[in-house]
Amino acid sequence: MKATADAIGAAVPRRAAQRTVFTILAAISVCHLLNDMVQSLIPAIYPILKTSFRLDFGQIGLITLTYQATASLLQPFVGHLTDLRPKPYSLPAGMGFTLVGMGLLAIAPSFAMLLIAAALVGVGSAVFHPESSRVARMASGGQHGLAQSLFQVGGNAGASLGPLLAAYVVLPHGQLSIAWFGAAVLVAILILLRVSRWYGAHDSYTAPRSRARVERGAALPKRRVVAAIAVLIALVFSKYLYLASLTSYYTFYLMSKFHVSVQSAQLHLFAFLGAVAAGTIIGGPIGDRIGRKYVIWVSILGVLPFTLLLPHANLFWTGMLSIVIGLVLASAFSAILVYAQELVPGRVGMISGLFFGLAFGVGGLGAAIMGKLADVTDIGYVYRLTAFLPAIGLLTAFLPQIEPRGPRSHEGTDVA
């Protein structure tokens, strides 16, 4: 760990600013993994909390609401504040909220304390995501899509690890064992201290002046910018609402329709999540090369034929189609986020907070709505209905062309 921290510290810029600093990108990706891994433990330990505190489903939902409200709603405000005056050391400070929250979650004696713990973890998430996204852009060397993809894939990996760790660590050893994961948060804090040092050394970003002087953005009328942001929000809505249907209910769908075992359904879910991770990595660099609007077209609207086929496929093709859907649909978010950042130059934190918060909130709310719908109808009906969501991708036609046509080159990379 010391060697990693020293390597990151050595990455304080000594050469041209327009270099891709992979040590910093790797650092925030690892921290994203640790952050989302720890946070994904909260829903994974609901069975323990329900038994220990004799909670009903309404109280379980209140824990989720508390966490999601703080994590989703605070992100744009945190991003806006740090746009006005960047605070490099807010990254480890925000992770400190997560550390305290996890500690309280391990020893909470009452339901009220569980809510406070969930809120603190949500605050940590609200600080981490917009500021880390800013660091990714700073370290990108112009390869903004690649940088965002590398950052986001860490979160995807961490979110998939949480339930696994809950099953093999927390469930056998009880609520108190949650405290063990404080070690992962401490590692993230130590790494982020080094990242913050690098962040603070970029005077052109941390100076209290408009980032519009630092970043070149789209010179569009305000009305067109607002309309384009509205379109991007609609696209994020369609993407994450559909993904929520798969991540939350895919195993139930397979068991209900094809009568497969739990283990087989979990393997199919693992394949889908792996495709999502691969798509997250692929989408950013492709957007850097050919333009982000084209990636948005293909990743949202292009997945529509596959989502329409999925409810009518046999087991083999259901597995294949879910992999294609995960791969293609996941490629959109990096392109959408960077496109939005270029629409509103100098507001990287606010835009990142808005879209990360929206993605998180839509996923949670969508899962709840689809669960209620499945109770009233059946899970197959949910998949037949949500199959049409990618058609919202037609709205991409209303996005302005803000990027130069054709492949673009970058100045270089910096691995030191």
Protein backbone atom coordinates (compact mmCIF):
# COMPACT_ATOMS: atom_id res chain seq x y z
CA MET A 1 0.00 0.00 0.00
CA LYS A 2 2.89 2.37 0.80
CA ALA A 3 4.38 1.74 -2.63
CA THR A 4 1.05 2.55 -4.24
CA ALA A 5 0.71 5.73 -2.25
CA ASP A 6 4.29 6.77 -3.08
CA ALA A 7 3.64 6.15 -6.77
CA ILE A 8 0.55 8.31 -6.65
CA GLY A 9 2.40 11.01 -4.78
CA ALA A 10 5.11 10.95 -7.42
CA ALA A 11 2.46 11.72 -10.02
CA VAL A 12 2.30 15.37 -8.95
CA PRO A 13 2.59 17.02 -12.36
CA ARG A 14 6.08 17.80 -13.49
CA ARG A 15 5.35 17.78 -17.19
CA ALA A 16 2.67 19.17 -19.46
CA ALA A 17 -0.80 19.32 -18.01
CA GLN A 18 -2.29 17.60 -21.06
CA ARG A 19 -1.07 14.11 -20.24
CA THR A 20 -3.17 11.14 -19.21
CA VAL A 21 -2.03 10.37 -15.66
CA PHE A 22 -2.88 6.70 -15.31
CA THR A 23 -1.64 6.42 -11.73
CA ILE A 24 -4.26 8.92 -10.63
CA LEU A 25 -6.96 7.27 -12.74
CA ALA A 26 -6.05 3.88 -11.25
CA ALA A 27 -6.12 5.35 -7.75
CA ILE A 28 -9.60 6.83 -8.01
CA SER A 29 -10.86 3.68 -9.73
CA VAL A 30 -9.58 1.58 -6.81
CA CYS A 31 -11.16 4.01 -4.35
CA HIS A 32 -14.41 3.85 -6.33
CA LEU A 33 -14.27 0.07 -6.02
CA LEU A 34 -13.74 0.25 -2.25
CA ASN A 35 -16.40 2.95 -1.83
CA ASP A 36 -19.12 1.14 -3.78
CA MET A 37 -18.16 -2.25 -2.34
CA VAL A 38 -18.70 -0.99 1.21
CA GLN A 39 -21.88 0.87 0.31
CA SER A 40 -23.39 -2.15 -1.46
CA LEU A 41 -23.18 -4.01 1.84
CA ILE A 42 -26.15 -2.01 3.14
CA PRO A 43 -28.87 -3.72 1.05
CA ALA A 44 -26.97 -6.99 1.20
CA ILE A 45 -27.27 -7.16 5.02
CA TYR A 46 -30.99 -6.37 5.16
CA PRO A 47 -31.82 -9.99 6.15
CA ILE A 48 -29.58 -9.64 9.24
CA LEU A 49 -31.01 -6.25 10.17
CA LYS A 50 -34.57 -7.42 9.64
CA THR A 51 -34.07 -10.30 12.06
CA SER A 52 -31.95 -8.45 14.62
CA PHE A 53 -34.19 -5.39 14.89
CA ARG A 54 -37.48 -7.09 13.95
CA LEU A 55 -38.02 -4.68 11.09
CA ASP A 56 -40.92 -4.77 8.68
CA PHE A 57 -40.54 -4.12 4.95
CA GLY A 58 -41.62 -0.52 5.41
CA GLN A 59 -38.70 0.11 7.77
CA ILE A 60 -36.32 -1.64 5.36
CA GLY A 61 -37.59 0.69 2.66
CA LEU A 62 -36.98 3.68 4.93
CA ILE A 63 -33.32 2.69 5.33
CA THR A 64 -33.02 2.53 1.53
CA LEU A 65 -34.79 5.87 1.16
CA THR A 66 -32.50 7.53 3.73
CA TYR A 67 -29.36 6.30 2.02
CA GLN A 68 -30.55 7.06 -1.50
CA ALA A 69 -31.91 10.50 -0.62
CA THR A 70 -28.60 11.64 0.84
CA ALA A 71 -26.50 9.94 -1.84
CA SER A 72 -28.61 11.15 -4.78
CA LEU A 73 -29.97 14.56 -3.81
CA LEU A 74 -26.80 15.96 -2.24
CA GLN A 75 -24.51 15.18 -5.16
CA PRO A 76 -25.44 18.11 -7.43
CA PHE A 77 -25.19 20.55 -4.51
CA VAL A 78 -21.78 19.22 -3.49
CA GLY A 79 -20.64 19.45 -7.10
CA HIS A 80 -21.92 23.02 -7.41
CA LEU A 81 -20.08 24.12 -4.26
CA THR A 82 -16.81 22.58 -5.35
CA ASP A 83 -17.17 24.11 -8.81
CA LEU A 84 -17.20 27.53 -7.15
CA ARG A 85 -14.19 26.72 -4.99
CA PRO A 86 -12.63 23.26 -5.44
CA LYS A 87 -11.64 21.55 -2.20
CA PRO A 88 -9.07 18.84 -2.93
CA TYR A 89 -9.15 17.32 0.55
CA SER A 90 -12.92 16.90 0.48
CA LEU A 91 -12.27 13.45 -1.04
CA PRO A 92 -10.72 11.85 2.07
CA ALA A 93 -13.03 13.94 4.27
CA GLY A 94 -16.07 12.55 2.46
CA MET A 95 -14.75 9.03 2.84
CA GLY A 96 -14.50 9.79 6.55
CA PHE A 97 -18.31 10.08 6.65
CA THR A 98 -18.49 6.60 5.13
CA LEU A 99 -16.08 5.25 7.75
CA VAL A 100 -18.16 6.66 10.62
CA GLY A 101 -21.36 5.40 9.00
CA MET A 102 -20.03 1.86 8.65
CA GLY A 103 -18.84 1.90 12.25
CA LEU A 104 -22.28 2.98 13.46
CA LEU A 105 -23.92 0.36 11.26
CA ALA A 106 -21.85 -2.35 12.97
CA ILE A 107 -22.81 -1.33 16.53
CA ALA A 108 -26.18 0.39 16.03
CA PRO A 109 -28.44 -0.45 19.00
CA SER A 110 -31.64 0.92 17.48
CA PHE A 111 -33.48 1.54 14.23
CA ALA A 112 -32.93 5.30 14.55
CA MET A 113 -29.17 4.72 14.70
CA LEU A 114 -29.38 2.55 11.58
CA LEU A 115 -30.97 5.50 9.75
CA ILE A 116 -28.22 7.86 10.92
CA ALA A 117 -25.58 5.36 9.79
CA ALA A 118 -27.23 5.00 6.36
CA ALA A 119 -27.41 8.80 6.01
CA LEU A 120 -23.69 9.18 6.80
CA VAL A 121 -22.75 6.57 4.21
CA GLY A 122 -24.95 8.43 1.72
CA VAL A 123 -23.18 11.71 2.50
CA GLY A 124 -19.83 10.01 1.85
CA SER A 125 -21.11 8.87 -1.55
CA ALA A 126 -22.46 12.36 -2.33
CA VAL A 127 -19.02 13.90 -1.76
CA PHE A 128 -16.97 11.16 -3.40
CA HIS A 129 -18.62 10.82 -6.81
CA PRO A 130 -18.67 14.42 -8.17
CA GLU A 131 -15.18 15.23 -6.88
CA SER A 132 -13.68 11.96 -8.13
CA SER A 133 -15.27 12.57 -11.52
CA ARG A 134 -13.56 15.99 -11.55
CA VAL A 135 -10.22 14.33 -10.78
CA ALA A 136 -10.80 11.84 -13.61
CA ARG A 137 -11.31 14.72 -16.04
CA MET A 138 -8.23 16.53 -14.75
CA ALA A 139 -6.09 13.40 -15.17
CA SER A 140 -7.56 12.48 -18.56
CA GLY A 141 -5.13 14.39 -20.77
CA GLY A 142 -8.05 15.08 -23.11
CA GLN A 143 -9.20 11.44 -23.18
CA HIS A 144 -12.24 12.29 -21.10
CA GLY A 145 -14.30 9.25 -22.06
CA LEU A 146 -11.47 6.83 -21.29
CA ALA A 147 -10.90 8.49 -17.91
CA GLN A 148 -14.59 8.32 -16.94
CA SER A 149 -14.79 4.69 -18.06
CA LEU A 150 -11.80 3.69 -15.95
CA PHE A 151 -13.28 5.53 -12.98
CA GLN A 152 -16.73 3.98 -13.36
CA VAL A 153 -15.60 0.41 -13.88
CA GLY A 154 -14.13 0.47 -10.38
CA GLY A 155 -17.57 1.28 -8.99
CA ASN A 156 -19.18 -1.50 -11.03
CA ALA A 157 -16.67 -4.02 -9.71
CA GLY A 158 -17.14 -2.83 -6.13
CA ALA A 159 -20.93 -3.02 -6.32
CA SER A 160 -20.73 -6.62 -7.52
CA LEU A 161 -18.37 -7.58 -4.68
CA GLY A 162 -20.60 -6.26 -1.89
CA PRO A 163 -23.23 -9.03 -1.95
CA LEU A 164 -20.51 -11.67 -2.24
CA LEU A 165 -18.72 -10.34 0.84
CA ALA A 166 -22.00 -10.08 2.71
CA ALA A 167 -22.73 -13.73 1.97
CA TYR A 168 -19.33 -15.04 3.06
CA VAL A 169 -18.35 -12.58 5.81
CA VAL A 170 -21.28 -10.68 7.31
CA LEU A 171 -24.00 -13.33 7.21
CA PRO A 172 -21.90 -16.00 9.00
CA HIS A 173 -20.41 -13.60 11.58
CA GLY A 174 -23.23 -11.15 12.23
CA GLN A 175 -23.73 -7.40 12.30
CA LEU A 176 -20.55 -6.58 14.22
CA SER A 177 -18.40 -7.98 11.39
CA ILE A 178 -19.41 -4.96 9.27
CA ALA A 179 -16.74 -3.07 11.23
CA TRP A 180 -14.05 -5.17 9.53
CA PHE A 181 -14.78 -3.35 6.28
CA GLY A 182 -13.65 -0.14 7.93
CA ALA A 183 -10.15 -1.30 6.93
CA ALA A 184 -11.12 -0.96 3.26
CA VAL A 185 -12.39 2.56 3.91
CA LEU A 186 -9.13 3.46 5.68
CA VAL A 187 -7.13 2.25 2.68
CA ALA A 188 -9.28 4.44 0.43
CA ILE A 189 -8.71 7.45 2.71
CA LEU A 190 -4.93 6.98 2.58
CA ILE A 191 -4.95 6.73 -1.22
CA LEU A 192 -7.25 9.75 -1.53
CA LEU A 193 -4.92 11.84 0.62
CA ARG A 194 -2.27 11.34 -2.07
CA VAL A 195 -4.79 12.00 -4.84
CA SER A 196 -5.79 15.23 -3.07
CA ARG A 197 -2.17 16.35 -3.04
CA TRP A 198 -2.03 15.84 -6.81
CA TYR A 199 -5.40 17.57 -7.20
CA GLY A 200 -4.27 20.59 -5.20
CA ALA A 201 -1.16 21.00 -7.34
CA HIS A 202 -3.28 21.80 -10.41
CA ASP A 203 -3.51 25.55 -9.85
CA SER A 204 -5.50 26.14 -13.03
CA TYR A 205 -8.31 24.00 -11.59
CA THR A 206 -8.16 24.88 -7.92
CA ALA A 207 -7.91 28.64 -8.39
CA PRO A 208 -11.20 30.32 -7.42
CA ARG A 209 -12.18 31.34 -10.91
CA SER A 210 -14.51 30.02 -13.58
CA ARG A 211 -13.49 26.68 -15.03
CA ALA A 212 -14.84 28.01 -18.32
CA ARG A 213 -11.44 29.71 -18.73
CA VAL A 214 -9.73 26.37 -18.25
CA GLU A 215 -11.94 24.10 -20.32
CA ARG A 216 -13.21 24.77 -23.80
CA GLY A 217 -16.91 24.06 -24.05
CA ALA A 218 -19.82 24.32 -26.39
CA ALA A 219 -20.71 27.92 -27.30
CA LEU A 220 -24.46 27.34 -27.42
CA PRO A 221 -27.40 29.50 -26.36
CA LYS A 222 -28.62 28.75 -22.85
CA ARG A 223 -31.97 27.48 -24.13
CA ARG A 224 -30.28 24.86 -26.33
CA VAL A 225 -28.01 23.78 -23.50
CA VAL A 226 -30.99 23.32 -21.14
CA ALA A 227 -32.86 21.34 -23.81
CA ALA A 228 -29.83 19.12 -24.44
CA ILE A 229 -29.40 18.43 -20.70
CA ALA A 230 -33.11 17.49 -20.53
CA VAL A 231 -32.58 15.02 -23.37
CA LEU A 232 -29.55 13.51 -21.62
CA ILE A 233 -31.56 13.15 -18.39
CA ALA A 234 -34.27 11.29 -20.32
CA LEU A 235 -31.62 8.99 -21.81
CA VAL A 236 -30.14 8.26 -18.38
CA PHE A 237 -33.66 7.56 -17.12
CA SER A 238 -34.29 4.97 -19.85
CA LYS A 239 -30.89 3.34 -19.42
CA TYR A 240 -30.95 2.95 -15.64
CA LEU A 241 -34.61 2.02 -15.43
CA TYR A 242 -34.00 -0.85 -17.83
CA LEU A 243 -30.77 -1.88 -16.12
CA ALA A 244 -32.62 -1.92 -12.79
CA SER A 245 -35.05 -4.47 -14.23
CA LEU A 246 -32.16 -6.82 -14.96
CA THR A 247 -29.95 -6.27 -11.93
CA SER A 248 -32.87 -6.58 -9.47
CA TYR A 249 -35.15 -9.20 -11.03
CA TYR A 250 -33.21 -11.14 -13.67
CA THR A 251 -32.66 -14.19 -11.43
CA PHE A 252 -36.37 -14.28 -10.50
CA TYR A 253 -37.30 -14.01 -14.19
CA LEU A 254 -35.06 -16.94 -15.15
CA MET A 255 -36.30 -19.12 -12.30
CA SER A 256 -39.92 -18.30 -13.04
CA LYS A 257 -39.84 -18.74 -16.82
CA PHE A 258 -37.23 -21.47 -17.29
CA HIS A 259 -37.33 -23.16 -13.85
CA VAL A 260 -33.56 -23.02 -13.48
CA SER A 261 -31.79 -23.38 -10.14
CA VAL A 262 -30.70 -20.42 -8.04
CA GLN A 263 -27.08 -21.21 -8.88
CA SER A 264 -27.78 -21.23 -12.62
CA ALA A 265 -29.69 -17.95 -12.39
CA GLN A 266 -26.81 -16.38 -10.45
CA LEU A 267 -24.35 -17.46 -13.15
CA HIS A 268 -26.51 -15.77 -15.78
CA LEU A 269 -26.61 -12.62 -13.64
CA PHE A 270 -22.83 -12.74 -13.23
CA ALA A 271 -22.43 -12.95 -17.03
CA PHE A 272 -24.70 -9.94 -17.46
CA LEU A 273 -22.82 -7.90 -14.83
CA GLY A 274 -19.52 -8.82 -16.49
CA ALA A 275 -20.88 -7.52 -19.79
CA VAL A 276 -21.92 -4.29 -18.04
CA ALA A 277 -18.37 -3.85 -16.72
CA ALA A 278 -16.89 -4.49 -20.18
CA GLY A 279 -19.32 -2.04 -21.78
CA THR A 280 -18.39 0.61 -19.23
CA ILE A 281 -14.73 0.33 -20.23
CA ILE A 282 -15.39 0.26 -23.98
CA GLY A 283 -17.81 3.17 -24.30
CA GLY A 284 -15.50 5.94 -23.11
CA PRO A 285 -12.51 5.38 -25.43
CA ILE A 286 -14.78 4.82 -28.43
CA GLY A 287 -16.50 8.12 -27.68
CA ASP A 288 -13.09 9.81 -27.55
CA ARG A 289 -12.28 8.46 -31.00
CA ILE A 290 -15.50 8.80 -33.00
CA GLY A 291 -17.58 11.26 -30.99
CA ARG A 292 -19.82 10.81 -27.98
CA LYS A 293 -23.10 11.50 -29.77
CA TYR A 294 -22.56 8.46 -31.98
CA VAL A 295 -21.91 6.26 -28.94
CA ILE A 296 -25.12 7.55 -27.33
CA TRP A 297 -27.07 6.72 -30.50
CA VAL A 298 -25.78 3.16 -30.67
CA SER A 299 -25.82 2.36 -26.97
CA ILE A 300 -29.37 3.53 -26.22
CA LEU A 301 -31.39 3.15 -29.40
CA GLY A 302 -29.18 0.39 -30.81
CA VAL A 303 -30.04 -1.95 -27.95
CA LEU A 304 -33.80 -1.75 -28.67
CA PRO A 305 -34.01 -4.82 -30.99
CA PHE A 306 -32.31 -6.96 -28.34
CA THR A 307 -34.55 -5.80 -25.48
CA LEU A 308 -37.63 -6.47 -27.62
CA LEU A 309 -36.44 -10.00 -28.39
CA LEU A 310 -35.44 -10.88 -24.82
CA PRO A 311 -38.92 -11.67 -23.39
CA HIS A 312 -39.58 -14.10 -26.27
CA ALA A 313 -36.23 -15.95 -26.34
CA ASN A 314 -35.39 -19.41 -25.00
CA LEU A 315 -32.92 -19.85 -22.14
CA PHE A 316 -29.80 -19.94 -24.32
CA TRP A 317 -30.70 -16.85 -26.29
CA THR A 318 -31.91 -15.07 -23.17
CA GLY A 319 -28.38 -15.44 -21.79
CA MET A 320 -26.80 -14.27 -25.04
CA LEU A 321 -29.16 -11.32 -25.42
CA SER A 322 -28.60 -10.19 -21.83
CA ILE A 323 -24.84 -10.13 -22.45
CA VAL A 324 -25.29 -8.02 -25.61
CA ILE A 325 -27.70 -5.70 -23.80
CA GLY A 326 -25.31 -5.24 -20.87
CA LEU A 327 -22.33 -4.64 -23.14
CA VAL A 328 -24.06 -2.11 -25.41
CA LEU A 329 -26.23 -0.28 -22.89
CA ALA A 330 -23.46 0.19 -20.31
CA SER A 331 -21.30 1.99 -22.86
CA ALA A 332 -23.63 4.99 -22.76
CA PHE A 333 -22.99 6.56 -19.38
CA SER A 334 -19.39 7.70 -19.90
CA ALA A 335 -20.37 9.27 -23.21
CA ILE A 336 -23.44 10.96 -21.71
CA LEU A 337 -21.53 12.33 -18.73
CA VAL A 338 -18.62 13.74 -20.74
CA TYR A 339 -20.98 15.16 -23.36
CA ALA A 340 -22.89 16.96 -20.57
CA GLN A 341 -19.63 18.27 -19.07
CA GLU A 342 -18.71 19.74 -22.43
CA LEU A 343 -22.14 21.33 -22.77
CA VAL A 344 -21.65 23.19 -19.49
CA PRO A 345 -17.93 24.03 -19.23
CA GLY A 346 -16.62 24.91 -15.81
CA ARG A 347 -19.35 22.94 -14.02
CA VAL A 348 -17.76 19.49 -13.91
CA GLY A 349 -18.71 18.88 -10.28
CA MET A 350 -22.34 19.95 -10.61
CA ILE A 351 -22.88 17.99 -13.83
CA SER A 352 -21.17 14.89 -12.43
CA GLY A 353 -23.20 15.11 -9.24
CA LEU A 354 -26.43 15.58 -11.16
CA PHE A 355 -25.92 12.57 -13.42
CA PHE A 356 -24.41 10.23 -10.82
CA GLY A 357 -27.20 11.16 -8.43
CA LEU A 358 -29.82 10.69 -11.12
CA ALA A 359 -28.40 7.29 -12.10
CA PHE A 360 -28.41 6.15 -8.49
CA GLY A 361 -31.89 7.49 -7.76
CA VAL A 362 -33.52 6.14 -10.94
CA GLY A 363 -32.07 2.69 -10.30
CA GLY A 364 -33.45 2.53 -6.76
CA LEU A 365 -36.82 4.06 -7.55
CA GLY A 366 -37.19 1.98 -10.69
CA ALA A 367 -36.49 -1.26 -8.84
CA ALA A 368 -39.19 -0.42 -6.28
CA ILE A 369 -41.77 0.47 -8.94
CA MET A 370 -41.06 -2.63 -11.00
CA GLY A 371 -41.26 -4.80 -7.90
CA LYS A 372 -44.75 -3.48 -7.17
CA LEU A 373 -45.72 -3.99 -10.82
CA ALA A 374 -44.43 -7.56 -10.75
CA ASP A 375 -46.51 -8.24 -7.62
CA VAL A 376 -49.65 -7.01 -9.38
CA THR A 377 -48.96 -8.72 -12.73
CA ASP A 378 -45.94 -11.02 -13.21
CA ILE A 379 -42.22 -10.62 -13.82
CA GLY A 380 -42.60 -11.53 -17.50
CA TYR A 381 -44.96 -8.59 -18.01
CA VAL A 382 -42.33 -6.26 -16.50
CA TYR A 383 -39.77 -7.37 -19.09
CA ARG A 384 -42.24 -7.05 -21.96
CA LEU A 385 -43.09 -3.51 -20.84
CA THR A 386 -39.56 -2.25 -20.09
CA ALA A 387 -38.32 -3.63 -23.43
CA PHE A 388 -39.60 -0.41 -25.06
CA LEU A 389 -37.58 1.93 -22.81
CA PRO A 390 -34.56 2.17 -25.15
CA ALA A 391 -36.87 3.75 -27.76
CA ILE A 392 -36.33 6.94 -25.75
CA GLY A 393 -32.95 6.92 -27.50
CA LEU A 394 -34.70 8.57 -30.48
CA LEU A 395 -34.37 11.80 -28.49
CA THR A 396 -30.65 11.71 -29.30
CA ALA A 397 -31.60 13.34 -32.61
CA PHE A 398 -32.24 16.57 -30.66
CA LEU A 399 -28.71 16.73 -29.23
CA PRO A 400 -26.54 19.41 -30.87
CA GLN A 401 -23.30 18.45 -32.59
CA ILE A 402 -20.67 19.95 -30.27
CA GLU A 403 -17.68 17.81 -31.23
CA PRO A 404 -15.43 17.91 -34.28
CA ARG A 405 -16.25 15.20 -36.79
CA GLY A 406 -13.83 12.34 -37.27
CA PRO A 407 -11.16 10.79 -35.07
CA ARG A 408 -9.32 13.02 -32.63
CA SER A 409 -5.76 12.76 -31.39
CA HIS A 410 -4.40 13.30 -27.90
CA GLU A 411 -1.14 14.68 -26.73
CA GLY A 412 0.06 11.64 -24.86
CA THR A 413 0.03 9.73 -21.65
CA ASP A 414 1.79 9.90 -18.34
CA VAL A 415 2.23 6.75 -16.33
CA ALA A 416 4.41 8.33 -13.68
